[in-house]
Amino acid sequence: MAITVTEPAARQITKSLVKRGKGLGLRLAVKTSGCSGFAYALEFVDEAEGSDNVYEGFGVKIYVDPKSLAMLDGTELDFVREGLNEGFKFNNPNVTAACGCGESFAV
């Protein structure tokens, strides 16, 4: 099982951690939400949990809890700019459906 991070995503995470002034990395999780069932959740990690799976790429660490990992296995975390919009993009091979607004997904 693995989570990967692209170089643009790693640069954005590093920039955010520096601006914040602390943090070990970023937590990627799945929560129940939205019309399709699940949504991605991102938060800074100041202290790792003992059960966390940790993935590293381009100098940043991504923390994933075991429950979320089953739905995130193989996911690539990217950071994209499209016109005036920018944000993290989740390339998740496990997604079977997504809602029209792009906020939630099903596996």
PDB file of N, CA and C in Angstrom:
ATOM      1  N   MET A   1       0.846  -1.180   0.000  1.00  0.00           N
ATOM      2  CA  MET A   1       0.000   0.000   0.000  1.00  0.00           C
ATOM      3  C   MET A   1       0.894   1.245   0.000  1.00  0.00           C
ATOM      4  N   ALA A   2       0.482   2.242  -0.772  1.00  0.00           N
ATOM      5  CA  ALA A   2       1.331   3.426  -0.866  1.00  0.00           C
ATOM      6  C   ALA A   2       0.519   4.665  -1.245  1.00  0.00           C
ATOM      7  N   ILE A   3       1.003   5.792  -0.789  1.00  0.00           N
ATOM      8  CA  ILE A   3       0.504   7.115  -1.156  1.00  0.00           C
ATOM      9  C   ILE A   3       1.715   7.848  -1.723  1.00  0.00           C
ATOM     10  N   THR A   4       1.543   8.551  -2.846  1.00  0.00           N
ATOM     11  CA  THR A   4       2.648   9.317  -3.407  1.00  0.00           C
ATOM     12  C   THR A   4       2.274  10.792  -3.455  1.00  0.00           C
ATOM     13  N   VAL A   5       3.301  11.610  -3.502  1.00  0.00           N
ATOM     14  CA  VAL A   5       3.115  13.060  -3.559  1.00  0.00           C
ATOM     15  C   VAL A   5       3.948  13.591  -4.726  1.00  0.00           C
ATOM     16  N   THR A   6       3.360  14.487  -5.506  1.00  0.00           N
ATOM     17  CA  THR A   6       4.099  15.069  -6.627  1.00  0.00           C
ATOM     18  C   THR A   6       4.983  16.199  -6.129  1.00  0.00           C
ATOM     19  N   GLU A   7       5.928  16.600  -6.963  1.00  0.00           N
ATOM     20  CA  GLU A   7       6.818  17.697  -6.582  1.00  0.00           C
ATOM     21  C   GLU A   7       6.055  19.007  -6.343  1.00  0.00           C
ATOM     22  N   PRO A   8       5.077  19.377  -7.189  1.00  0.00           N
ATOM     23  CA  PRO A   8       4.312  20.607  -6.903  1.00  0.00           C
ATOM     24  C   PRO A   8       3.560  20.532  -5.570  1.00  0.00           C
ATOM     25  N   ALA A   9       3.005  19.372  -5.240  1.00  0.00           N
ATOM     26  CA  ALA A   9       2.302  19.221  -3.960  1.00  0.00           C
ATOM     27  C   ALA A   9       3.288  19.336  -2.799  1.00  0.00           C
ATOM     28  N   ALA A  10       4.446  18.724  -2.931  1.00  0.00           N
ATOM     29  CA  ALA A  10       5.463  18.799  -1.878  1.00  0.00           C
ATOM     30  C   ALA A  10       5.910  20.237  -1.653  1.00  0.00           C
ATOM     31  N   ARG A  11       6.100  20.993  -2.740  1.00  0.00           N
ATOM     32  CA  ARG A  11       6.488  22.405  -2.594  1.00  0.00           C
ATOM     33  C   ARG A  11       5.412  23.189  -1.843  1.00  0.00           C
ATOM     34  N   GLN A  12       4.148  22.941  -2.158  1.00  0.00           N
ATOM     35  CA  GLN A  12       3.050  23.651  -1.492  1.00  0.00           C
ATOM     36  C   GLN A  12       2.969  23.277  -0.019  1.00  0.00           C
ATOM     37  N   ILE A  13       3.128  22.008   0.287  1.00  0.00           N
ATOM     38  CA  ILE A  13       3.095  21.556   1.686  1.00  0.00           C
ATOM     39  C   ILE A  13       4.251  22.184   2.453  1.00  0.00           C
ATOM     40  N   THR A  14       5.450  22.176   1.871  1.00  0.00           N
ATOM     41  CA  THR A  14       6.614  22.784   2.517  1.00  0.00           C
ATOM     42  C   THR A  14       6.379  24.262   2.764  1.00  0.00           C
ATOM     43  N   LYS A  15       5.867  24.960   1.764  1.00  0.00           N
ATOM     44  CA  LYS A  15       5.585  26.396   1.904  1.00  0.00           C
ATOM     45  C   LYS A  15       4.590  26.650   3.041  1.00  0.00           C
ATOM     46  N   SER A  16       3.560  25.828   3.127  1.00  0.00           N
ATOM     47  CA  SER A  16       2.552  25.987   4.178  1.00  0.00           C
ATOM     48  C   SER A  16       3.126  25.697   5.563  1.00  0.00           C
ATOM     49  N   LEU A  17       3.978  24.669   5.664  1.00  0.00           N
ATOM     50  CA  LEU A  17       4.587  24.348   6.959  1.00  0.00           C
ATOM     51  C   LEU A  17       5.531  25.456   7.412  1.00  0.00           C
ATOM     52  N   VAL A  18       6.284  26.024   6.479  1.00  0.00           N
ATOM     53  CA  VAL A  18       7.193  27.124   6.822  1.00  0.00           C
ATOM     54  C   VAL A  18       6.391  28.337   7.286  1.00  0.00           C
ATOM     55  N   LYS A  19       5.341  28.664   6.566  1.00  0.00           N
ATOM     56  CA  LYS A  19       4.493  29.804   6.928  1.00  0.00           C
ATOM     57  C   LYS A  19       3.849  29.588   8.293  1.00  0.00           C
ATOM     58  N   ARG A  20       3.445  28.362   8.565  1.00  0.00           N
ATOM     59  CA  ARG A  20       2.809  28.010   9.833  1.00  0.00           C
ATOM     60  C   ARG A  20       3.818  28.035  10.984  1.00  0.00           C
ATOM     61  N   GLY A  21       5.077  27.712  10.673  1.00  0.00           N
ATOM     62  CA  GLY A  21       6.119  27.755  11.690  1.00  0.00           C
ATOM     63  C   GLY A  21       6.329  26.482  12.468  1.00  0.00           C
ATOM     64  N   LYS A  22       5.566  25.455  12.171  1.00  0.00           N
ATOM     65  CA  LYS A  22       5.740  24.166  12.843  1.00  0.00           C
ATOM     66  C   LYS A  22       4.990  23.097  12.067  1.00  0.00           C
ATOM     67  N   GLY A  23       5.249  21.840  12.418  1.00  0.00           N
ATOM     68  CA  GLY A  23       4.547  20.726  11.805  1.00  0.00           C
ATOM     69  C   GLY A  23       5.496  19.685  11.248  1.00  0.00           C
ATOM     70  N   LEU A  24       5.055  18.431  11.332  1.00  0.00           N
ATOM     71  CA  LEU A  24       5.838  17.307  10.825  1.00  0.00           C
ATOM     72  C   LEU A  24       5.499  16.990   9.371  1.00  0.00           C
ATOM     73  N   GLY A  25       4.284  17.311   8.970  1.00  0.00           N
ATOM     74  CA  GLY A  25       3.829  16.984   7.626  1.00  0.00           C
ATOM     75  C   GLY A  25       2.347  17.226   7.501  1.00  0.00           C
ATOM     76  N   LEU A  26       1.714  16.465   6.618  1.00  0.00           N
ATOM     77  CA  LEU A  26       0.294  16.644   6.316  1.00  0.00           C
ATOM     78  C   LEU A  26      -0.424  15.317   6.479  1.00  0.00           C
ATOM     79  N   ARG A  27      -1.596  15.350   7.123  1.00  0.00           N
ATOM     80  CA  ARG A  27      -2.425  14.153   7.267  1.00  0.00           C
ATOM     81  C   ARG A  27      -3.445  14.133   6.145  1.00  0.00           C
ATOM     82  N   LEU A  28      -3.536  12.997   5.461  1.00  0.00           N
ATOM     83  CA  LEU A  28      -4.531  12.759   4.437  1.00  0.00           C
ATOM     84  C   LEU A  28      -5.475  11.705   4.985  1.00  0.00           C
ATOM     85  N   ALA A  29      -6.753  12.030   5.047  1.00  0.00           N
ATOM     86  CA  ALA A  29      -7.740  11.111   5.601  1.00  0.00           C
ATOM     87  C   ALA A  29      -9.006  11.138   4.763  1.00  0.00           C
ATOM     88  N   VAL A  30      -9.891  10.203   5.056  1.00  0.00           N
ATOM     89  CA  VAL A  30     -11.198  10.134   4.418  1.00  0.00           C
ATOM     90  C   VAL A  30     -12.231  10.257   5.517  1.00  0.00           C
ATOM     91  N   LYS A  31     -13.251  11.097   5.259  1.00  0.00           N
ATOM     92  CA  LYS A  31     -14.346  11.231   6.223  1.00  0.00           C
ATOM     93  C   LYS A  31     -15.663  10.999   5.493  1.00  0.00           C
ATOM     94  N   THR A  32     -16.667  10.580   6.226  1.00  0.00           N
ATOM     95  CA  THR A  32     -17.997  10.397   5.662  1.00  0.00           C
ATOM     96  C   THR A  32     -18.599  11.771   5.437  1.00  0.00           C
ATOM     97  N   SER A  33     -18.988  12.025   4.174  1.00  0.00           N
ATOM     98  CA  SER A  33     -19.501  13.354   3.847  1.00  0.00           C
ATOM     99  C   SER A  33     -20.013  13.385   2.418  1.00  0.00           C
ATOM    100  N   GLY A  34     -20.825  14.371   2.118  1.00  0.00           N
ATOM    101  CA  GLY A  34     -21.234  14.643   0.746  1.00  0.00           C
ATOM    102  C   GLY A  34     -22.258  13.678   0.195  1.00  0.00           C
ATOM    103  N   CYS A  35     -22.641  13.946  -1.023  1.00  0.00           N
ATOM    104  CA  CYS A  35     -23.693  13.150  -1.659  1.00  0.00           C
ATOM    105  C   CYS A  35     -23.192  11.810  -2.194  1.00  0.00           C
ATOM    106  N   SER A  36     -21.873  11.651  -2.358  1.00  0.00           N
ATOM    107  CA  SER A  36     -21.337  10.380  -2.850  1.00  0.00           C
ATOM    108  C   SER A  36     -20.806   9.488  -1.736  1.00  0.00           C
ATOM    109  N   GLY A  37     -20.732   9.992  -0.523  1.00  0.00           N
ATOM    110  CA  GLY A  37     -20.366   9.148   0.604  1.00  0.00           C
ATOM    111  C   GLY A  37     -19.108   9.513   1.364  1.00  0.00           C
ATOM    112  N   PHE A  38     -18.040   9.924   0.669  1.00  0.00           N
ATOM    113  CA  PHE A  38     -16.779  10.214   1.329  1.00  0.00           C
ATOM    114  C   PHE A  38     -16.167  11.505   0.796  1.00  0.00           C
ATOM    115  N   ALA A  39     -15.344  12.127   1.622  1.00  0.00           N
ATOM    116  CA  ALA A  39     -14.612  13.328   1.214  1.00  0.00           C
ATOM    117  C   ALA A  39     -13.201  13.239   1.776  1.00  0.00           C
ATOM    118  N   TYR A  40     -12.272  13.894   1.101  1.00  0.00           N
ATOM    119  CA  TYR A  40     -10.891  13.953   1.568  1.00  0.00           C
ATOM    120  C   TYR A  40     -10.774  15.006   2.659  1.00  0.00           C
ATOM    121  N   ALA A  41      -9.897  14.742   3.619  1.00  0.00           N
ATOM    122  CA  ALA A  41      -9.621  15.700   4.686  1.00  0.00           C
ATOM    123  C   ALA A  41      -8.105  15.859   4.791  1.00  0.00           C
ATOM    124  N   LEU A  42      -7.652  17.096   4.829  1.00  0.00           N
ATOM    125  CA  LEU A  42      -6.234  17.415   4.978  1.00  0.00           C
ATOM    126  C   LEU A  42      -6.049  18.243   6.238  1.00  0.00           C
ATOM    127  N   GLU A  43      -5.026  17.927   7.017  1.00  0.00           N
ATOM    128  CA  GLU A  43      -4.712  18.734   8.190  1.00  0.00           C
ATOM    129  C   GLU A  43      -3.224  18.597   8.492  1.00  0.00           C
ATOM    130  N   PHE A  44      -2.682  19.604   9.143  1.00  0.00           N
ATOM    131  CA  PHE A  44      -1.280  19.560   9.536  1.00  0.00           C
ATOM    132  C   PHE A  44      -1.090  18.563  10.664  1.00  0.00           C
ATOM    133  N   VAL A  45       0.076  17.943  10.696  1.00  0.00           N
ATOM    134  CA  VAL A  45       0.417  16.992  11.750  1.00  0.00           C
ATOM    135  C   VAL A  45       1.516  17.609  12.605  1.00  0.00           C
ATOM    136  N   ASP A  46       1.209  17.790  13.888  1.00  0.00           N
ATOM    137  CA  ASP A  46       2.205  18.279  14.833  1.00  0.00           C
ATOM    138  C   ASP A  46       2.782  17.131  15.657  1.00  0.00           C
ATOM    139  N   GLU A  47       1.990  16.067  15.787  1.00  0.00           N
ATOM    140  CA  GLU A  47       2.420  14.901  16.544  1.00  0.00           C
ATOM    141  C   GLU A  47       1.850  13.660  15.867  1.00  0.00           C
ATOM    142  N   ALA A  48       2.700  12.724  15.508  1.00  0.00           N
ATOM    143  CA  ALA A  48       2.263  11.511  14.820  1.00  0.00           C
ATOM    144  C   ALA A  48       1.519  10.591  15.785  1.00  0.00           C
ATOM    145  N   GLU A  49       0.559   9.865  15.235  1.00  0.00           N
ATOM    146  CA  GLU A  49      -0.163   8.833  15.987  1.00  0.00           C
ATOM    147  C   GLU A  49       0.601   7.529  15.798  1.00  0.00           C
ATOM    148  N   GLY A  50       0.594   6.684  16.791  1.00  0.00           N
ATOM    149  CA  GLY A  50       1.341   5.430  16.717  1.00  0.00           C
ATOM    150  C   GLY A  50       0.907   4.520  15.581  1.00  0.00           C
ATOM    151  N   SER A  51      -0.353   4.601  15.181  1.00  0.00           N
ATOM    152  CA  SER A  51      -0.864   3.710  14.137  1.00  0.00           C
ATOM    153  C   SER A  51      -0.757   4.303  12.733  1.00  0.00           C
ATOM    154  N   ASP A  52      -0.248   5.529  12.609  1.00  0.00           N
ATOM    155  CA  ASP A  52      -0.130   6.186  11.306  1.00  0.00           C
ATOM    156  C   ASP A  52       0.796   5.441  10.360  1.00  0.00           C
ATOM    157  N   ASN A  53       0.421   5.419   9.102  1.00  0.00           N
ATOM    158  CA  ASN A  53       1.318   5.013   8.024  1.00  0.00           C
ATOM    159  C   ASN A  53       1.928   6.302   7.505  1.00  0.00           C
ATOM    160  N   VAL A  54       3.237   6.324   7.305  1.00  0.00           N
ATOM    161  CA  VAL A  54       3.921   7.540   6.880  1.00  0.00           C
ATOM    162  C   VAL A  54       4.572   7.302   5.524  1.00  0.00           C
ATOM    163  N   TYR A  55       4.298   8.211   4.595  1.00  0.00           N
ATOM    164  CA  TYR A  55       4.869   8.144   3.251  1.00  0.00           C
ATOM    165  C   TYR A  55       5.629   9.437   3.017  1.00  0.00           C
ATOM    166  N   GLU A  56       6.780   9.328   2.364  1.00  0.00           N
ATOM    167  CA  GLU A  56       7.610  10.507   2.165  1.00  0.00           C
ATOM    168  C   GLU A  56       7.936  10.665   0.684  1.00  0.00           C
ATOM    169  N   GLY A  57       7.907  11.914   0.244  1.00  0.00           N
ATOM    170  CA  GLY A  57       8.270  12.216  -1.127  1.00  0.00           C
ATOM    171  C   GLY A  57       8.694  13.659  -1.244  1.00  0.00           C
ATOM    172  N   PHE A  58       9.780  13.915  -1.929  1.00  0.00           N
ATOM    173  CA  PHE A  58      10.287  15.270  -2.153  1.00  0.00           C
ATOM    174  C   PHE A  58      10.451  16.039  -0.840  1.00  0.00           C
ATOM    175  N   GLY A  59      10.845  15.313   0.217  1.00  0.00           N
ATOM    176  CA  GLY A  59      11.150  15.952   1.490  1.00  0.00           C
ATOM    177  C   GLY A  59       9.967  16.228   2.401  1.00  0.00           C
ATOM    178  N   VAL A  60       8.755  15.784   2.038  1.00  0.00           N
ATOM    179  CA  VAL A  60       7.600  15.982   2.916  1.00  0.00           C
ATOM    180  C   VAL A  60       7.019  14.632   3.324  1.00  0.00           C
ATOM    181  N   LYS A  61       6.373  14.625   4.467  1.00  0.00           N
ATOM    182  CA  LYS A  61       5.759  13.405   4.982  1.00  0.00           C
ATOM    183  C   LYS A  61       4.239  13.528   4.920  1.00  0.00           C
ATOM    184  N   ILE A  62       3.613  12.432   4.459  1.00  0.00           N
ATOM    185  CA  ILE A  62       2.164  12.323   4.409  1.00  0.00           C
ATOM    186  C   ILE A  62       1.767  11.233   5.395  1.00  0.00           C
ATOM    187  N   TYR A  63       0.886  11.572   6.328  1.00  0.00           N
ATOM    188  CA  TYR A  63       0.426  10.651   7.365  1.00  0.00           C
ATOM    189  C   TYR A  63      -0.979  10.180   7.022  1.00  0.00           C
ATOM    190  N   VAL A  64      -1.199   8.847   7.122  1.00  0.00           N
ATOM    191  CA  VAL A  64      -2.501   8.276   6.797  1.00  0.00           C
ATOM    192  C   VAL A  64      -2.864   7.264   7.880  1.00  0.00           C
ATOM    193  N   ASP A  65      -4.074   7.375   8.414  1.00  0.00           N
ATOM    194  CA  ASP A  65      -4.525   6.415   9.419  1.00  0.00           C
ATOM    195  C   ASP A  65      -4.908   5.108   8.720  1.00  0.00           C
ATOM    196  N   PRO A  66      -4.841   3.980   9.422  1.00  0.00           N
ATOM    197  CA  PRO A  66      -5.112   2.681   8.795  1.00  0.00           C
ATOM    198  C   PRO A  66      -6.506   2.576   8.160  1.00  0.00           C
ATOM    199  N   LYS A  67      -7.517   3.152   8.788  1.00  0.00           N
ATOM    200  CA  LYS A  67      -8.885   3.077   8.254  1.00  0.00           C
ATOM    201  C   LYS A  67      -8.986   3.791   6.902  1.00  0.00           C
ATOM    202  N   SER A  68      -8.370   4.958   6.788  1.00  0.00           N
ATOM    203  CA  SER A  68      -8.415   5.718   5.532  1.00  0.00           C
ATOM    204  C   SER A  68      -7.566   5.063   4.449  1.00  0.00           C
ATOM    205  N   LEU A  69      -6.493   4.386   4.843  1.00  0.00           N
ATOM    206  CA  LEU A  69      -5.571   3.820   3.869  1.00  0.00           C
ATOM    207  C   LEU A  69      -6.255   2.847   2.925  1.00  0.00           C
ATOM    208  N   ALA A  70      -7.231   2.104   3.410  1.00  0.00           N
ATOM    209  CA  ALA A  70      -7.932   1.149   2.548  1.00  0.00           C
ATOM    210  C   ALA A  70      -8.582   1.845   1.353  1.00  0.00           C
ATOM    211  N   MET A  71      -9.042   3.074   1.531  1.00  0.00           N
ATOM    212  CA  MET A  71      -9.696   3.827   0.445  1.00  0.00           C
ATOM    213  C   MET A  71      -8.723   4.714  -0.320  1.00  0.00           C
ATOM    214  N   LEU A  72      -7.520   4.902   0.224  1.00  0.00           N
ATOM    215  CA  LEU A  72      -6.542   5.807  -0.388  1.00  0.00           C
ATOM    216  C   LEU A  72      -5.364   5.099  -1.038  1.00  0.00           C
ATOM    217  N   ASP A  73      -5.281   3.793  -0.898  1.00  0.00           N
ATOM    218  CA  ASP A  73      -4.130   3.054  -1.426  1.00  0.00           C
ATOM    219  C   ASP A  73      -3.936   3.363  -2.908  1.00  0.00           C
ATOM    220  N   GLY A  74      -2.737   3.767  -3.269  1.00  0.00           N
ATOM    221  CA  GLY A  74      -2.418   4.088  -4.654  1.00  0.00           C
ATOM    222  C   GLY A  74      -2.674   5.532  -5.042  1.00  0.00           C
ATOM    223  N   THR A  75      -3.162   6.343  -4.115  1.00  0.00           N
ATOM    224  CA  THR A  75      -3.495   7.737  -4.410  1.00  0.00           C
ATOM    225  C   THR A  75      -2.241   8.582  -4.595  1.00  0.00           C
ATOM    226  N   GLU A  76      -2.305   9.467  -5.570  1.00  0.00           N
ATOM    227  CA  GLU A  76      -1.258  10.460  -5.793  1.00  0.00           C
ATOM    228  C   GLU A  76      -1.827  11.815  -5.394  1.00  0.00           C
ATOM    229  N   LEU A  77      -1.137  12.506  -4.491  1.00  0.00           N
ATOM    230  CA  LEU A  77      -1.524  13.853  -4.068  1.00  0.00           C
ATOM    231  C   LEU A  77      -0.768  14.847  -4.938  1.00  0.00           C
ATOM    232  N   ASP A  78      -1.514  15.683  -5.646  1.00  0.00           N
ATOM    233  CA  ASP A  78      -0.920  16.657  -6.556  1.00  0.00           C
ATOM    234  C   ASP A  78      -1.406  18.046  -6.171  1.00  0.00           C
ATOM    235  N   PHE A  79      -0.742  19.070  -6.675  1.00  0.00           N
ATOM    236  CA  PHE A  79      -1.176  20.457  -6.494  1.00  0.00           C
ATOM    237  C   PHE A  79      -1.223  21.078  -7.877  1.00  0.00           C
ATOM    238  N   VAL A  80      -2.396  21.572  -8.258  1.00  0.00           N
ATOM    239  CA  VAL A  80      -2.583  22.078  -9.618  1.00  0.00           C
ATOM    240  C   VAL A  80      -3.101  23.514  -9.607  1.00  0.00           C
ATOM    241  N   ARG A  81      -2.751  24.219 -10.672  1.00  0.00           N
ATOM    242  CA  ARG A  81      -3.273  25.560 -10.922  1.00  0.00           C
ATOM    243  C   ARG A  81      -4.050  25.493 -12.226  1.00  0.00           C
ATOM    244  N   GLU A  82      -5.310  25.882 -12.178  1.00  0.00           N
ATOM    245  CA  GLU A  82      -6.160  25.891 -13.362  1.00  0.00           C
ATOM    246  C   GLU A  82      -6.805  27.262 -13.459  1.00  0.00           C
ATOM    247  N   GLY A  83      -6.268  28.093 -14.331  1.00  0.00           N
ATOM    248  CA  GLY A  83      -6.765  29.462 -14.424  1.00  0.00           C
ATOM    249  C   GLY A  83      -6.456  30.213 -13.149  1.00  0.00           C
ATOM    250  N   LEU A  84      -7.467  30.788 -12.547  1.00  0.00           N
ATOM    251  CA  LEU A  84      -7.292  31.525 -11.295  1.00  0.00           C
ATOM    252  C   LEU A  84      -7.401  30.631 -10.063  1.00  0.00           C
ATOM    253  N   ASN A  85      -7.752  29.372 -10.258  1.00  0.00           N
ATOM    254  CA  ASN A  85      -7.933  28.445  -9.142  1.00  0.00           C
ATOM    255  C   ASN A  85      -6.693  27.587  -8.946  1.00  0.00           C
ATOM    256  N   GLU A  86      -6.435  27.251  -7.693  1.00  0.00           N
ATOM    257  CA  GLU A  86      -5.353  26.330  -7.379  1.00  0.00           C
ATOM    258  C   GLU A  86      -5.753  25.516  -6.163  1.00  0.00           C
ATOM    259  N   GLY A  87      -5.225  24.305  -6.084  1.00  0.00           N
ATOM    260  CA  GLY A  87      -5.539  23.464  -4.940  1.00  0.00           C
ATOM    261  C   GLY A  87      -4.995  22.063  -5.109  1.00  0.00           C
ATOM    262  N   PHE A  88      -5.167  21.279  -4.063  1.00  0.00           N
ATOM    263  CA  PHE A  88      -4.719  19.894  -4.103  1.00  0.00           C
ATOM    264  C   PHE A  88      -5.685  19.068  -4.945  1.00  0.00           C
ATOM    265  N   LYS A  89      -5.122  18.119  -5.675  1.00  0.00           N
ATOM    266  CA  LYS A  89      -5.893  17.208  -6.499  1.00  0.00           C
ATOM    267  C   LYS A  89      -5.544  15.796  -6.067  1.00  0.00           C
ATOM    268  N   PHE A  90      -6.558  14.957  -5.926  1.00  0.00           N
ATOM    269  CA  PHE A  90      -6.373  13.591  -5.467  1.00  0.00           C
ATOM    270  C   PHE A  90      -6.585  12.652  -6.646  1.00  0.00           C
ATOM    271  N   ASN A  91      -5.529  12.012  -7.100  1.00  0.00           N
ATOM    272  CA  ASN A  91      -5.623  11.024  -8.179  1.00  0.00           C
ATOM    273  C   ASN A  91      -5.725   9.656  -7.517  1.00  0.00           C
ATOM    274  N   ASN A  92      -6.973   9.260  -7.239  1.00  0.00           N
ATOM    275  CA  ASN A  92      -7.250   8.059  -6.459  1.00  0.00           C
ATOM    276  C   ASN A  92      -7.810   6.964  -7.365  1.00  0.00           C
ATOM    277  N   PRO A  93      -7.060   5.875  -7.571  1.00  0.00           N
ATOM    278  CA  PRO A  93      -7.527   4.808  -8.456  1.00  0.00           C
ATOM    279  C   PRO A  93      -8.699   4.007  -7.896  1.00  0.00           C
ATOM    280  N   ASN A  94      -9.044   4.202  -6.635  1.00  0.00           N
ATOM    281  CA  ASN A  94     -10.119   3.444  -5.994  1.00  0.00           C
ATOM    282  C   ASN A  94     -11.492   4.071  -6.182  1.00  0.00           C
ATOM    283  N   VAL A  95     -11.559   5.303  -6.665  1.00  0.00           N
ATOM    284  CA  VAL A  95     -12.830   6.013  -6.806  1.00  0.00           C
ATOM    285  C   VAL A  95     -13.665   5.377  -7.913  1.00  0.00           C
ATOM    286  N   THR A  96     -14.911   5.039  -7.570  1.00  0.00           N
ATOM    287  CA  THR A  96     -15.830   4.457  -8.553  1.00  0.00           C
ATOM    288  C   THR A  96     -16.855   5.473  -9.037  1.00  0.00           C
ATOM    289  N   ALA A  97     -17.075   6.538  -8.254  1.00  0.00           N
ATOM    290  CA  ALA A  97     -18.026   7.588  -8.633  1.00  0.00           C
ATOM    291  C   ALA A  97     -17.690   8.846  -7.857  1.00  0.00           C
ATOM    292  N   ALA A  98     -18.066   9.988  -8.434  1.00  0.00           N
ATOM    293  CA  ALA A  98     -17.853  11.274  -7.754  1.00  0.00           C
ATOM    294  C   ALA A  98     -19.094  12.131  -7.969  1.00  0.00           C
ATOM    295  N   CYS A  99     -19.341  13.026  -7.021  1.00  0.00           N
ATOM    296  CA  CYS A  99     -20.501  13.906  -7.169  1.00  0.00           C
ATOM    297  C   CYS A  99     -20.191  14.990  -8.219  1.00  0.00           C
ATOM    298  N   GLY A 100     -21.207  15.647  -8.685  1.00  0.00           N
ATOM    299  CA  GLY A 100     -21.058  16.662  -9.721  1.00  0.00           C
ATOM    300  C   GLY A 100     -20.190  17.837  -9.316  1.00  0.00           C
ATOM    301  N   CYS A 101     -20.217  18.200  -8.042  1.00  0.00           N
ATOM    302  CA  CYS A 101     -19.429  19.362  -7.598  1.00  0.00           C
ATOM    303  C   CYS A 101     -17.979  18.983  -7.297  1.00  0.00           C
ATOM    304  N   GLY A 102     -17.676  17.681  -7.264  1.00  0.00           N
ATOM    305  CA  GLY A 102     -16.307  17.238  -7.032  1.00  0.00           C
ATOM    306  C   GLY A 102     -15.879  17.213  -5.578  1.00  0.00           C
ATOM    307  N   GLU A 103     -16.804  17.416  -4.667  1.00  0.00           N
ATOM    308  CA  GLU A 103     -16.466  17.463  -3.246  1.00  0.00           C
ATOM    309  C   GLU A 103     -16.470  16.088  -2.569  1.00  0.00           C
ATOM    310  N   SER A 104     -17.174  15.111  -3.146  1.00  0.00           N
ATOM    311  CA  SER A 104     -17.221  13.799  -2.506  1.00  0.00           C
ATOM    312  C   SER A 104     -17.085  12.699  -3.546  1.00  0.00           C
ATOM    313  N   PHE A 105     -16.820  11.476  -3.045  1.00  0.00           N
ATOM    314  CA  PHE A 105     -16.581  10.343  -3.936  1.00  0.00           C
ATOM    315  C   PHE A 105     -17.065   9.068  -3.294  1.00  0.00           C
ATOM    316  N   ALA A 106     -17.142   8.015  -4.113  1.00  0.00           N
ATOM    317  CA  ALA A 106     -17.510   6.682  -3.640  1.00  0.00           C
ATOM    318  C   ALA A 106     -16.413   5.706  -4.028  1.00  0.00           C
ATOM    319  N   VAL A 107     -16.248   4.656  -3.226  1.00  0.00           N
ATOM    320  CA  VAL A 107     -15.277   3.607  -3.545  1.00  0.00           C
ATOM    321  C   VAL A 107     -15.981   2.264  -3.601  1.00  0.00           C
TER     322      VAL A 107
END
